[in-house]
Structure formats: C-alpha cells, structure tokens
Amino acid sequence: MFRRTFWFTAGAAAGVWATTKVNRKIRQLTPESLAAQAADKAIDAGHRLKDFALDVREGMVRREAELGGALGLDASVDPELPVIRHTAVEAPGPDRATVHRTLPYNSNNRNEDH
C-alpha cells in the first residue's frame, strides 16, 4: 500500500510540475510577451551602444591630448566644446602656382574636376 501511495504522489507531483512548466512557457510565447522581450532587448542594446560610443569618444579625447602634447599643440581639450582642427596642408609655394598657371589650356575640356 505504501508503494502505491508513493508512486501516486510522485506522479501527481510530476504532473503538477509539468503543467506549471508548460503554462509558463505558453505565457512566454504570447505575442505581447514576445514584443515586450524584444523591446527590452532593443533598449539594452541601445544602452550598450551608447556606452561604447562614450568610451570611444573618451579614448579619442585622451589620444588627441597625447598627440597634441607630442606635437607641441598643448591646448585645453574640453569634451563639451567643438574641437578646432589644425590643417597640416601648407599653402602652395611659388613653384606650384607657376606650374599650375603654365599648364596649357584646352578649350575642349569641359570637365572642371581636373
């Protein structure tokens, strides 16, 4: 008699456990639940992307300060202010200007990109 009671109780407990698991999984797979899960994951991905962008920006500011110090361009770098870029291109010297002016002009060339 004790064996039958034990197995009956074990079977009933397994049935209740399985039913609870199945019902919980069915609730997770409803369209509303899936939409909520997708929204949560999208928000989480957005936060991680924002953190990555802030880390990259911090690294850029730090590296610009290092390069500015190495090149002798020591200026205070405030991350809130726009960065003033210094151009490394020099104005054309007299030899370049004269070479450009002395090139032959072709009136048939309509391409202005040259």
PDB file of N, CA and C in Angstrom:
ATOM      1  N   MET A   1       0.806  -1.179   0.000  1.00  0.00           N
ATOM      2  CA  MET A   1       0.000   0.000   0.000  1.00  0.00           C
ATOM      3  C   MET A   1       0.866   1.267   0.000  1.00  0.00           C
ATOM      4  N   PHE A   2       1.934   1.207   0.757  1.00  0.00           N
ATOM      5  CA  PHE A   2       2.808   2.371   0.825  1.00  0.00           C
ATOM      6  C   PHE A   2       3.431   2.670  -0.529  1.00  0.00           C
ATOM      7  N   ARG A   3       3.799   1.631  -1.281  1.00  0.00           N
ATOM      8  CA  ARG A   3       4.383   1.830  -2.619  1.00  0.00           C
ATOM      9  C   ARG A   3       3.402   2.517  -3.538  1.00  0.00           C
ATOM     10  N   ARG A   4       2.175   2.084  -3.529  1.00  0.00           N
ATOM     11  CA  ARG A   4       1.167   2.687  -4.408  1.00  0.00           C
ATOM     12  C   ARG A   4       0.956   4.157  -4.050  1.00  0.00           C
ATOM     13  N   THR A   5       0.881   4.471  -2.796  1.00  0.00           N
ATOM     14  CA  THR A   5       0.702   5.858  -2.363  1.00  0.00           C
ATOM     15  C   THR A   5       1.906   6.706  -2.787  1.00  0.00           C
ATOM     16  N   PHE A   6       3.114   6.159  -2.624  1.00  0.00           N
ATOM     17  CA  PHE A   6       4.324   6.886  -3.013  1.00  0.00           C
ATOM     18  C   PHE A   6       4.314   7.197  -4.499  1.00  0.00           C
ATOM     19  N   TRP A   7       4.050   6.180  -5.339  1.00  0.00           N
ATOM     20  CA  TRP A   7       4.070   6.408  -6.788  1.00  0.00           C
ATOM     21  C   TRP A   7       2.914   7.299  -7.247  1.00  0.00           C
ATOM     22  N   PHE A   8       1.774   7.190  -6.596  1.00  0.00           N
ATOM     23  CA  PHE A   8       0.665   8.076  -6.935  1.00  0.00           C
ATOM     24  C   PHE A   8       1.044   9.533  -6.621  1.00  0.00           C
ATOM     25  N   THR A   9       1.636   9.751  -5.476  1.00  0.00           N
ATOM     26  CA  THR A   9       2.055  11.099  -5.079  1.00  0.00           C
ATOM     27  C   THR A   9       3.160  11.612  -5.989  1.00  0.00           C
ATOM     28  N   ALA A  10       4.119  10.765  -6.332  1.00  0.00           N
ATOM     29  CA  ALA A  10       5.206  11.170  -7.223  1.00  0.00           C
ATOM     30  C   ALA A  10       4.664  11.517  -8.608  1.00  0.00           C
ATOM     31  N   GLY A  11       3.720  10.738  -9.109  1.00  0.00           N
ATOM     32  CA  GLY A  11       3.117  11.011 -10.413  1.00  0.00           C
ATOM     33  C   GLY A  11       2.307  12.302 -10.407  1.00  0.00           C
ATOM     34  N   ALA A  12       1.559  12.529  -9.342  1.00  0.00           N
ATOM     35  CA  ALA A  12       0.766  13.762  -9.236  1.00  0.00           C
ATOM     36  C   ALA A  12       1.698  14.975  -9.162  1.00  0.00           C
ATOM     37  N   ALA A  13       2.775  14.871  -8.408  1.00  0.00           N
ATOM     38  CA  ALA A  13       3.725  15.980  -8.298  1.00  0.00           C
ATOM     39  C   ALA A  13       4.395  16.252  -9.647  1.00  0.00           C
ATOM     40  N   ALA A  14       4.761  15.198 -10.362  1.00  0.00           N
ATOM     41  CA  ALA A  14       5.372  15.374 -11.687  1.00  0.00           C
ATOM     42  C   ALA A  14       4.382  16.000 -12.656  1.00  0.00           C
ATOM     43  N   GLY A  15       3.121  15.615 -12.572  1.00  0.00           N
ATOM     44  CA  GLY A  15       2.086  16.194 -13.438  1.00  0.00           C
ATOM     45  C   GLY A  15       1.882  17.675 -13.151  1.00  0.00           C
ATOM     46  N   VAL A  16       1.834  18.034 -11.873  1.00  0.00           N
ATOM     47  CA  VAL A  16       1.675  19.439 -11.497  1.00  0.00           C
ATOM     48  C   VAL A  16       2.896  20.240 -11.963  1.00  0.00           C
ATOM     49  N   TRP A  17       4.080  19.701 -11.754  1.00  0.00           N
ATOM     50  CA  TRP A  17       5.320  20.382 -12.161  1.00  0.00           C
ATOM     51  C   TRP A  17       5.339  20.594 -13.682  1.00  0.00           C
ATOM     52  N   ALA A  18       4.984  19.543 -14.447  1.00  0.00           N
ATOM     53  CA  ALA A  18       4.996  19.636 -15.906  1.00  0.00           C
ATOM     54  C   ALA A  18       3.935  20.621 -16.392  1.00  0.00           C
ATOM     55  N   THR A  19       2.771  20.587 -15.790  1.00  0.00           N
ATOM     56  CA  THR A  19       1.712  21.516 -16.184  1.00  0.00           C
ATOM     57  C   THR A  19       2.134  22.960 -15.918  1.00  0.00           C
ATOM     58  N   THR A  20       2.748  23.196 -14.772  1.00  0.00           N
ATOM     59  CA  THR A  20       3.223  24.545 -14.442  1.00  0.00           C
ATOM     60  C   THR A  20       4.272  25.013 -15.440  1.00  0.00           C
ATOM     61  N   LYS A  21       5.213  24.133 -15.782  1.00  0.00           N
ATOM     62  CA  LYS A  21       6.256  24.479 -16.747  1.00  0.00           C
ATOM     63  C   LYS A  21       5.659  24.810 -18.116  1.00  0.00           C
ATOM     64  N   VAL A  22       4.729  24.003 -18.577  1.00  0.00           N
ATOM     65  CA  VAL A  22       4.123  24.211 -19.889  1.00  0.00           C
ATOM     66  C   VAL A  22       3.333  25.512 -19.906  1.00  0.00           C
ATOM     67  N   ASN A  23       2.559  25.771 -18.872  1.00  0.00           N
ATOM     68  CA  ASN A  23       1.784  27.018 -18.817  1.00  0.00           C
ATOM     69  C   ASN A  23       2.705  28.244 -18.788  1.00  0.00           C
ATOM     70  N   ARG A  24       3.790  28.160 -18.056  1.00  0.00           N
ATOM     71  CA  ARG A  24       4.734  29.276 -18.005  1.00  0.00           C
ATOM     72  C   ARG A  24       5.352  29.516 -19.391  1.00  0.00           C
ATOM     73  N   LYS A  25       5.699  28.458 -20.081  1.00  0.00           N
ATOM     74  CA  LYS A  25       6.290  28.590 -21.420  1.00  0.00           C
ATOM     75  C   LYS A  25       5.273  29.146 -22.408  1.00  0.00           C
ATOM     76  N   ILE A  26       4.027  28.725 -22.291  1.00  0.00           N
ATOM     77  CA  ILE A  26       2.970  29.241 -23.181  1.00  0.00           C
ATOM     78  C   ILE A  26       2.779  30.737 -22.959  1.00  0.00           C
ATOM     79  N   ARG A  27       2.827  31.178 -21.688  1.00  0.00           N
ATOM     80  CA  ARG A  27       2.700  32.611 -21.405  1.00  0.00           C
ATOM     81  C   ARG A  27       3.881  33.393 -21.974  1.00  0.00           C
ATOM     82  N   GLN A  28       5.057  32.798 -21.982  1.00  0.00           N
ATOM     83  CA  GLN A  28       6.241  33.477 -22.536  1.00  0.00           C
ATOM     84  C   GLN A  28       6.156  33.617 -24.047  1.00  0.00           C
ATOM     85  N   LEU A  29       5.422  32.754 -24.701  1.00  0.00           N
ATOM     86  CA  LEU A  29       5.360  32.762 -26.155  1.00  0.00           C
ATOM     87  C   LEU A  29       4.152  33.513 -26.712  1.00  0.00           C
ATOM     88  N   THR A  30       3.420  34.215 -25.885  1.00  0.00           N
ATOM     89  CA  THR A  30       2.312  35.025 -26.397  1.00  0.00           C
ATOM     90  C   THR A  30       2.882  36.228 -27.140  1.00  0.00           C
ATOM     91  N   PRO A  31       2.153  36.776 -28.110  1.00  0.00           N
ATOM     92  CA  PRO A  31       2.669  37.919 -28.867  1.00  0.00           C
ATOM     93  C   PRO A  31       3.028  39.119 -27.984  1.00  0.00           C
ATOM     94  N   GLU A  32       2.229  39.387 -26.952  1.00  0.00           N
ATOM     95  CA  GLU A  32       2.519  40.513 -26.074  1.00  0.00           C
ATOM     96  C   GLU A  32       3.835  40.304 -25.334  1.00  0.00           C
ATOM     97  N   SER A  33       4.035  39.086 -24.850  1.00  0.00           N
ATOM     98  CA  SER A  33       5.268  38.785 -24.123  1.00  0.00           C
ATOM     99  C   SER A  33       6.489  38.852 -25.044  1.00  0.00           C
ATOM    100  N   LEU A  34       6.338  38.325 -26.260  1.00  0.00           N
ATOM    101  CA  LEU A  34       7.451  38.388 -27.213  1.00  0.00           C
ATOM    102  C   LEU A  34       7.785  39.834 -27.579  1.00  0.00           C
ATOM    103  N   ALA A  35       6.773  40.676 -27.744  1.00  0.00           N
ATOM    104  CA  ALA A  35       7.012  42.084 -28.057  1.00  0.00           C
ATOM    105  C   ALA A  35       7.715  42.776 -26.898  1.00  0.00           C
ATOM    106  N   ALA A  36       7.314  42.473 -25.683  1.00  0.00           N
ATOM    107  CA  ALA A  36       7.960  43.075 -24.516  1.00  0.00           C
ATOM    108  C   ALA A  36       9.415  42.626 -24.401  1.00  0.00           C
ATOM    109  N   GLN A  37       9.673  41.355 -24.667  1.00  0.00           N
ATOM    110  CA  GLN A  37      11.052  40.858 -24.625  1.00  0.00           C
ATOM    111  C   GLN A  37      11.905  41.527 -25.696  1.00  0.00           C
ATOM    112  N   ALA A  38      11.353  41.691 -26.898  1.00  0.00           N
ATOM    113  CA  ALA A  38      12.105  42.340 -27.978  1.00  0.00           C
ATOM    114  C   ALA A  38      12.384  43.795 -27.640  1.00  0.00           C
ATOM    115  N   ALA A  39      11.418  44.479 -27.054  1.00  0.00           N
ATOM    116  CA  ALA A  39      11.622  45.881 -26.670  1.00  0.00           C
ATOM    117  C   ALA A  39      12.696  45.990 -25.592  1.00  0.00           C
ATOM    118  N   ASP A  40      12.674  45.097 -24.622  1.00  0.00           N
ATOM    119  CA  ASP A  40      13.689  45.120 -23.571  1.00  0.00           C
ATOM    120  C   ASP A  40      15.086  44.885 -24.137  1.00  0.00           C
ATOM    121  N   LYS A  41      15.189  43.938 -25.074  1.00  0.00           N
ATOM    122  CA  LYS A  41      16.494  43.665 -25.674  1.00  0.00           C
ATOM    123  C   LYS A  41      16.968  44.830 -26.530  1.00  0.00           C
ATOM    124  N   ALA A  42      16.053  45.494 -27.227  1.00  0.00           N
ATOM    125  CA  ALA A  42      16.431  46.656 -28.036  1.00  0.00           C
ATOM    126  C   ALA A  42      16.913  47.798 -27.151  1.00  0.00           C
ATOM    127  N   ILE A  43      16.242  48.025 -26.043  1.00  0.00           N
ATOM    128  CA  ILE A  43      16.665  49.080 -25.114  1.00  0.00           C
ATOM    129  C   ILE A  43      18.031  48.745 -24.530  1.00  0.00           C
ATOM    130  N   ASP A  44      18.231  47.497 -24.173  1.00  0.00           N
ATOM    131  CA  ASP A  44      19.521  47.075 -23.624  1.00  0.00           C
ATOM    132  C   ASP A  44      20.632  47.253 -24.658  1.00  0.00           C
ATOM    133  N   ALA A  45      20.358  46.891 -25.908  1.00  0.00           N
ATOM    134  CA  ALA A  45      21.361  47.066 -26.969  1.00  0.00           C
ATOM    135  C   ALA A  45      21.665  48.549 -27.186  1.00  0.00           C
ATOM    136  N   GLY A  46      20.650  49.391 -27.103  1.00  0.00           N
ATOM    137  CA  GLY A  46      20.861  50.829 -27.233  1.00  0.00           C
ATOM    138  C   GLY A  46      21.742  51.376 -26.126  1.00  0.00           C
ATOM    139  N   HIS A  47      21.539  50.910 -24.904  1.00  0.00           N
ATOM    140  CA  HIS A  47      22.376  51.348 -23.789  1.00  0.00           C
ATOM    141  C   HIS A  47      23.825  50.897 -23.976  1.00  0.00           C
ATOM    142  N   ARG A  48      23.995  49.659 -24.433  1.00  0.00           N
ATOM    143  CA  ARG A  48      25.359  49.174 -24.656  1.00  0.00           C
ATOM    144  C   ARG A  48      26.043  49.943 -25.780  1.00  0.00           C
ATOM    145  N   LEU A  49      25.290  50.290 -26.831  1.00  0.00           N
ATOM    146  CA  LEU A  49      25.851  51.065 -27.937  1.00  0.00           C
ATOM    147  C   LEU A  49      26.233  52.470 -27.474  1.00  0.00           C
ATOM    148  N   LYS A  50      25.404  53.071 -26.648  1.00  0.00           N
ATOM    149  CA  LYS A  50      25.707  54.403 -26.119  1.00  0.00           C
ATOM    150  C   LYS A  50      26.963  54.354 -25.252  1.00  0.00           C
ATOM    151  N   ASP A  51      27.071  53.337 -24.394  1.00  0.00           N
ATOM    152  CA  ASP A  51      28.266  53.195 -23.559  1.00  0.00           C
ATOM    153  C   ASP A  51      29.514  53.023 -24.420  1.00  0.00           C
ATOM    154  N   PHE A  52      29.399  52.238 -25.497  1.00  0.00           N
ATOM    155  CA  PHE A  52      30.534  52.048 -26.401  1.00  0.00           C
ATOM    156  C   PHE A  52      30.934  53.366 -27.052  1.00  0.00           C
ATOM    157  N   ALA A  53      29.946  54.143 -27.517  1.00  0.00           N
ATOM    158  CA  ALA A  53      30.245  55.421 -28.155  1.00  0.00           C
ATOM    159  C   ALA A  53      30.910  56.385 -27.174  1.00  0.00           C
ATOM    160  N   LEU A  54      30.455  56.390 -25.929  1.00  0.00           N
ATOM    161  CA  LEU A  54      31.085  57.253 -24.923  1.00  0.00           C
ATOM    162  C   LEU A  54      32.513  56.818 -24.630  1.00  0.00           C
ATOM    163  N   ASP A  55      32.757  55.508 -24.589  1.00  0.00           N
ATOM    164  CA  ASP A  55      34.122  55.017 -24.387  1.00  0.00           C
ATOM    165  C   ASP A  55      35.022  55.406 -25.548  1.00  0.00           C
ATOM    166  N   VAL A  56      34.510  55.303 -26.765  1.00  0.00           N
ATOM    167  CA  VAL A  56      35.299  55.679 -27.941  1.00  0.00           C
ATOM    168  C   VAL A  56      35.613  57.170 -27.911  1.00  0.00           C
ATOM    169  N   ARG A  57      34.633  57.976 -27.569  1.00  0.00           N
ATOM    170  CA  ARG A  57      34.841  59.430 -27.508  1.00  0.00           C
ATOM    171  C   ARG A  57      35.872  59.789 -26.438  1.00  0.00           C
ATOM    172  N   GLU A  58      35.791  59.130 -25.290  1.00  0.00           N
ATOM    173  CA  GLU A  58      36.768  59.375 -24.228  1.00  0.00           C
ATOM    174  C   GLU A  58      38.177  59.010 -24.686  1.00  0.00           C
ATOM    175  N   GLY A  59      38.293  57.884 -25.382  1.00  0.00           N
ATOM    176  CA  GLY A  59      39.594  57.475 -25.915  1.00  0.00           C
ATOM    177  C   GLY A  59      40.109  58.446 -26.962  1.00  0.00           C
ATOM    178  N   MET A  60      39.204  58.978 -27.785  1.00  0.00           N
ATOM    179  CA  MET A  60      39.619  59.951 -28.800  1.00  0.00           C
ATOM    180  C   MET A  60      40.144  61.223 -28.150  1.00  0.00           C
ATOM    181  N   VAL A  61      39.452  61.706 -27.130  1.00  0.00           N
ATOM    182  CA  VAL A  61      39.890  62.927 -26.446  1.00  0.00           C
ATOM    183  C   VAL A  61      41.234  62.700 -25.779  1.00  0.00           C
ATOM    184  N   ARG A  62      41.401  61.546 -25.146  1.00  0.00           N
ATOM    185  CA  ARG A  62      42.671  61.237 -24.491  1.00  0.00           C
ATOM    186  C   ARG A  62      43.803  61.153 -25.512  1.00  0.00           C
ATOM    187  N   ARG A  63      43.549  60.498 -26.634  1.00  0.00           N
ATOM    188  CA  ARG A  63      44.580  60.344 -27.660  1.00  0.00           C
ATOM    189  C   ARG A  63      44.908  61.683 -28.316  1.00  0.00           C
ATOM    190  N   GLU A  64      43.891  62.532 -28.538  1.00  0.00           N
ATOM    191  CA  GLU A  64      44.157  63.854 -29.108  1.00  0.00           C
ATOM    192  C   GLU A  64      45.012  64.681 -28.163  1.00  0.00           C
ATOM    193  N   ALA A  65      44.763  64.553 -26.854  1.00  0.00           N
ATOM    194  CA  ALA A  65      45.588  65.273 -25.891  1.00  0.00           C
ATOM    195  C   ALA A  65      47.023  64.763 -25.927  1.00  0.00           C
ATOM    196  N   GLU A  66      47.199  63.454 -26.040  1.00  0.00           N
ATOM    197  CA  GLU A  66      48.547  62.890 -26.131  1.00  0.00           C
ATOM    198  C   GLU A  66      49.259  63.377 -27.386  1.00  0.00           C
ATOM    199  N   LEU A  67      48.561  63.334 -28.516  1.00  0.00           N
ATOM    200  CA  LEU A  67      49.169  63.779 -29.767  1.00  0.00           C
ATOM    201  C   LEU A  67      49.441  65.276 -29.739  1.00  0.00           C
ATOM    202  N   GLY A  68      48.528  66.053 -29.155  1.00  0.00           N
ATOM    203  CA  GLY A  68      48.745  67.487 -29.044  1.00  0.00           C
ATOM    204  C   GLY A  68      49.971  67.800 -28.204  1.00  0.00           C
ATOM    205  N   GLY A  69      50.164  67.054 -27.131  1.00  0.00           N
ATOM    206  CA  GLY A  69      51.355  67.239 -26.302  1.00  0.00           C
ATOM    207  C   GLY A  69      52.622  66.845 -27.044  1.00  0.00           C
ATOM    208  N   ALA A  70      52.547  65.765 -27.811  1.00  0.00           N
ATOM    209  CA  ALA A  70      53.722  65.306 -28.551  1.00  0.00           C
ATOM    210  C   ALA A  70      54.084  66.270 -29.685  1.00  0.00           C
ATOM    211  N   LEU A  71      53.082  66.913 -30.277  1.00  0.00           N
ATOM    212  CA  LEU A  71      53.328  67.833 -31.386  1.00  0.00           C
ATOM    213  C   LEU A  71      53.490  69.279 -30.937  1.00  0.00           C
ATOM    214  N   GLY A  72      53.360  69.515 -29.652  1.00  0.00           N
ATOM    215  CA  GLY A  72      53.503  70.869 -29.142  1.00  0.00           C
ATOM    216  C   GLY A  72      52.267  71.714 -29.339  1.00  0.00           C
ATOM    217  N   LEU A  73      51.140  71.108 -29.491  1.00  0.00           N
ATOM    218  CA  LEU A  73      49.880  71.836 -29.661  1.00  0.00           C
ATOM    219  C   LEU A  73      49.084  71.757 -28.375  1.00  0.00           C
ATOM    220  N   ASP A  74      49.717  72.086 -27.259  1.00  0.00           N
ATOM    221  CA  ASP A  74      49.056  71.961 -25.972  1.00  0.00           C
ATOM    222  C   ASP A  74      47.951  72.984 -25.848  1.00  0.00           C
ATOM    223  N   ALA A  75      46.737  72.530 -25.988  1.00  0.00           N
ATOM    224  CA  ALA A  75      45.557  73.361 -25.793  1.00  0.00           C
ATOM    225  C   ALA A  75      44.619  72.587 -24.894  1.00  0.00           C
ATOM    226  N   SER A  76      43.886  73.286 -24.061  1.00  0.00           N
ATOM    227  CA  SER A  76      42.967  72.588 -23.175  1.00  0.00           C
ATOM    228  C   SER A  76      41.855  71.958 -24.017  1.00  0.00           C
ATOM    229  N   VAL A  77      41.610  70.704 -23.754  1.00  0.00           N
ATOM    230  CA  VAL A  77      40.590  69.973 -24.503  1.00  0.00           C
ATOM    231  C   VAL A  77      39.388  69.793 -23.584  1.00  0.00           C
ATOM    232  N   ASP A  78      38.307  70.456 -23.913  1.00  0.00           N
ATOM    233  CA  ASP A  78      37.060  70.327 -23.171  1.00  0.00           C
ATOM    234  C   ASP A  78      36.112  69.490 -24.022  1.00  0.00           C
ATOM    235  N   PRO A  79      35.646  68.331 -23.529  1.00  0.00           N
ATOM    236  CA  PRO A  79      34.795  67.479 -24.367  1.00  0.00           C
ATOM    237  C   PRO A  79      33.467  68.118 -24.748  1.00  0.00           C
ATOM    238  N   GLU A  80      33.054  69.157 -24.035  1.00  0.00           N
ATOM    239  CA  GLU A  80      31.797  69.814 -24.358  1.00  0.00           C
ATOM    240  C   GLU A  80      31.931  70.787 -25.526  1.00  0.00           C
ATOM    241  N   LEU A  81      33.140  71.297 -25.761  1.00  0.00           N
ATOM    242  CA  LEU A  81      33.357  72.259 -26.830  1.00  0.00           C
ATOM    243  C   LEU A  81      33.728  71.549 -28.120  1.00  0.00           C
ATOM    244  N   PRO A  82      33.404  72.138 -29.267  1.00  0.00           N
ATOM    245  CA  PRO A  82      33.830  71.524 -30.529  1.00  0.00           C
ATOM    246  C   PRO A  82      35.344  71.627 -30.669  1.00  0.00           C
ATOM    247  N   VAL A  83      35.918  70.627 -31.277  1.00  0.00           N
ATOM    248  CA  VAL A  83      37.365  70.573 -31.440  1.00  0.00           C
ATOM    249  C   VAL A  83      37.760  71.422 -32.633  1.00  0.00           C
ATOM    250  N   ILE A  84      38.751  72.291 -32.438  1.00  0.00           N
ATOM    251  CA  ILE A  84      39.265  73.109 -33.531  1.00  0.00           C
ATOM    252  C   ILE A  84      40.364  72.305 -34.216  1.00  0.00           C
ATOM    253  N   ARG A  85      40.184  72.035 -35.468  1.00  0.00           N
ATOM    254  CA  ARG A  85      41.149  71.235 -36.222  1.00  0.00           C
ATOM    255  C   ARG A  85      42.203  72.143 -36.831  1.00  0.00           C
ATOM    256  N   HIS A  86      43.447  71.713 -36.731  1.00  0.00           N
ATOM    257  CA  HIS A  86      44.552  72.422 -37.368  1.00  0.00           C
ATOM    258  C   HIS A  86      44.886  71.698 -38.658  1.00  0.00           C
ATOM    259  N   THR A  87      44.985  72.442 -39.738  1.00  0.00           N
ATOM    260  CA  THR A  87      45.295  71.800 -41.014  1.00  0.00           C
ATOM    261  C   THR A  87      46.800  71.648 -41.145  1.00  0.00           C
ATOM    262  N   ALA A  88      47.212  70.541 -41.684  1.00  0.00           N
ATOM    263  CA  ALA A  88      48.623  70.263 -41.866  1.00  0.00           C
ATOM    264  C   ALA A  88      49.054  70.556 -43.303  1.00  0.00           C
ATOM    265  N   VAL A  89      48.174  71.084 -44.121  1.00  0.00           N
ATOM    266  CA  VAL A  89      48.482  71.368 -45.521  1.00  0.00           C
ATOM    267  C   VAL A  89      48.995  72.803 -45.618  1.00  0.00           C
ATOM    268  N   GLU A  90      50.116  72.950 -46.267  1.00  0.00           N
ATOM    269  CA  GLU A  90      50.694  74.281 -46.429  1.00  0.00           C
ATOM    270  C   GLU A  90      50.141  74.924 -47.695  1.00  0.00           C
ATOM    271  N   ALA A  91      50.201  76.228 -47.726  1.00  0.00           N
ATOM    272  CA  ALA A  91      49.796  76.947 -48.932  1.00  0.00           C
ATOM    273  C   ALA A  91      50.796  76.627 -50.037  1.00  0.00           C
ATOM    274  N   PRO A  92      50.336  76.556 -51.274  1.00  0.00           N
ATOM    275  CA  PRO A  92      51.263  76.213 -52.361  1.00  0.00           C
ATOM    276  C   PRO A  92      52.340  77.293 -52.503  1.00  0.00           C
ATOM    277  N   GLY A  93      53.552  76.839 -52.686  1.00  0.00           N
ATOM    278  CA  GLY A  93      54.676  77.762 -52.873  1.00  0.00           C
ATOM    279  C   GLY A  93      54.656  78.359 -54.268  1.00  0.00           C
ATOM    280  N   PRO A  94      55.602  79.234 -54.545  1.00  0.00           N
ATOM    281  CA  PRO A  94      55.617  79.881 -55.857  1.00  0.00           C
ATOM    282  C   PRO A  94      55.840  78.901 -57.002  1.00  0.00           C
ATOM    283  N   ASP A  95      56.579  77.813 -56.750  1.00  0.00           N
ATOM    284  CA  ASP A  95      56.822  76.853 -57.831  1.00  0.00           C
ATOM    285  C   ASP A  95      55.545  76.113 -58.217  1.00  0.00           C
ATOM    286  N   ARG A  96      54.702  75.766 -57.265  1.00  0.00           N
ATOM    287  CA  ARG A  96      53.449  75.083 -57.591  1.00  0.00           C
ATOM    288  C   ARG A  96      52.493  76.014 -58.324  1.00  0.00           C
ATOM    289  N   ALA A  97      52.408  77.246 -57.881  1.00  0.00           N
ATOM    290  CA  ALA A  97      51.483  78.194 -58.503  1.00  0.00           C
ATOM    291  C   ALA A  97      51.876  78.463 -59.947  1.00  0.00           C
ATOM    292  N   THR A  98      53.155  78.596 -60.206  1.00  0.00           N
ATOM    293  CA  THR A  98      53.580  78.876 -61.572  1.00  0.00           C
ATOM    294  C   THR A  98      53.385  77.661 -62.453  1.00  0.00           C
ATOM    295  N   VAL A  99      53.617  76.459 -61.929  1.00  0.00           N
ATOM    296  CA  VAL A  99      53.408  75.252 -62.728  1.00  0.00           C
ATOM    297  C   VAL A  99      51.936  75.128 -63.089  1.00  0.00           C
ATOM    298  N   HIS A 100      51.063  75.432 -62.159  1.00  0.00           N
ATOM    299  CA  HIS A 100      49.637  75.318 -62.422  1.00  0.00           C
ATOM    300  C   HIS A 100      49.194  76.342 -63.472  1.00  0.00           C
ATOM    301  N   ARG A 101      49.741  77.535 -63.415  1.00  0.00           N
ATOM    302  CA  ARG A 101      49.329  78.567 -64.367  1.00  0.00           C
ATOM    303  C   ARG A 101      49.904  78.324 -65.758  1.00  0.00           C
ATOM    304  N   THR A 102      50.997  77.624 -65.829  1.00  0.00           N
ATOM    305  CA  THR A 102      51.630  77.443 -67.128  1.00  0.00           C
ATOM    306  C   THR A 102      51.121  76.219 -67.864  1.00  0.00           C
ATOM    307  N   LEU A 103      50.224  75.457 -67.266  1.00  0.00           N
ATOM    308  CA  LEU A 103      49.678  74.305 -67.977  1.00  0.00           C
ATOM    309  C   LEU A 103      48.871  74.790 -69.169  1.00  0.00           C
ATOM    310  N   PRO A 104      48.949  74.060 -70.284  1.00  0.00           N
ATOM    311  CA  PRO A 104      48.212  74.504 -71.470  1.00  0.00           C
ATOM    312  C   PRO A 104      46.718  74.407 -71.243  1.00  0.00           C
ATOM    313  N   TYR A 105      45.987  75.376 -71.737  1.00  0.00           N
ATOM    314  CA  TYR A 105      44.534  75.420 -71.602  1.00  0.00           C
ATOM    315  C   TYR A 105      43.914  74.763 -72.814  1.00  0.00           C
ATOM    316  N   ASN A 106      43.035  73.813 -72.591  1.00  0.00           N
ATOM    317  CA  ASN A 106      42.362  73.110 -73.673  1.00  0.00           C
ATOM    318  C   ASN A 106      40.891  73.510 -73.613  1.00  0.00           C
ATOM    319  N   SER A 107      40.417  74.227 -74.596  1.00  0.00           N
ATOM    320  CA  SER A 107      39.039  74.707 -74.570  1.00  0.00           C
ATOM    321  C   SER A 107      38.023  73.587 -74.780  1.00  0.00           C
ATOM    322  N   ASN A 108      38.458  72.423 -75.270  1.00  0.00           N
ATOM    323  CA  ASN A 108      37.543  71.303 -75.482  1.00  0.00           C
ATOM    324  C   ASN A 108      37.292  70.506 -74.202  1.00  0.00           C
ATOM    325  N   ASN A 109      38.084  70.748 -73.200  1.00  0.00           N
ATOM    326  CA  ASN A 109      37.941  70.001 -71.957  1.00  0.00           C
ATOM    327  C   ASN A 109      36.858  70.656 -71.111  1.00  0.00           C
ATOM    328  N   ARG A 110      35.697  70.014 -71.008  1.00  0.00           N
ATOM    329  CA  ARG A 110      34.577  70.558 -70.259  1.00  0.00           C
ATOM    330  C   ARG A 110      34.539  70.023 -68.820  1.00  0.00           C
ATOM    331  N   ASN A 111      35.431  69.104 -68.494  1.00  0.00           N
ATOM    332  CA  ASN A 111      35.448  68.530 -67.157  1.00  0.00           C
ATOM    333  C   ASN A 111      36.160  69.496 -66.222  1.00  0.00           C
ATOM    334  N   GLU A 112      35.452  70.021 -65.271  1.00  0.00           N
ATOM    335  CA  GLU A 112      36.030  71.005 -64.366  1.00  0.00           C
ATOM    336  C   GLU A 112      36.691  70.378 -63.159  1.00  0.00           C
ATOM    337  N   ASP A 113      36.695  69.064 -63.088  1.00  0.00           N
ATOM    338  CA  ASP A 113      37.316  68.405 -61.947  1.00  0.00           C
ATOM    339  C   ASP A 113      38.827  68.359 -62.066  1.00  0.00           C
ATOM    340  N   HIS A 114      39.380  68.582 -63.234  1.00  0.00           N
ATOM    341  CA  HIS A 114      40.823  68.492 -63.418  1.00  0.00           C
ATOM    342  C   HIS A 114      41.501  69.749 -62.972  1.00  0.00           C
TER     343      HIS A 114
END
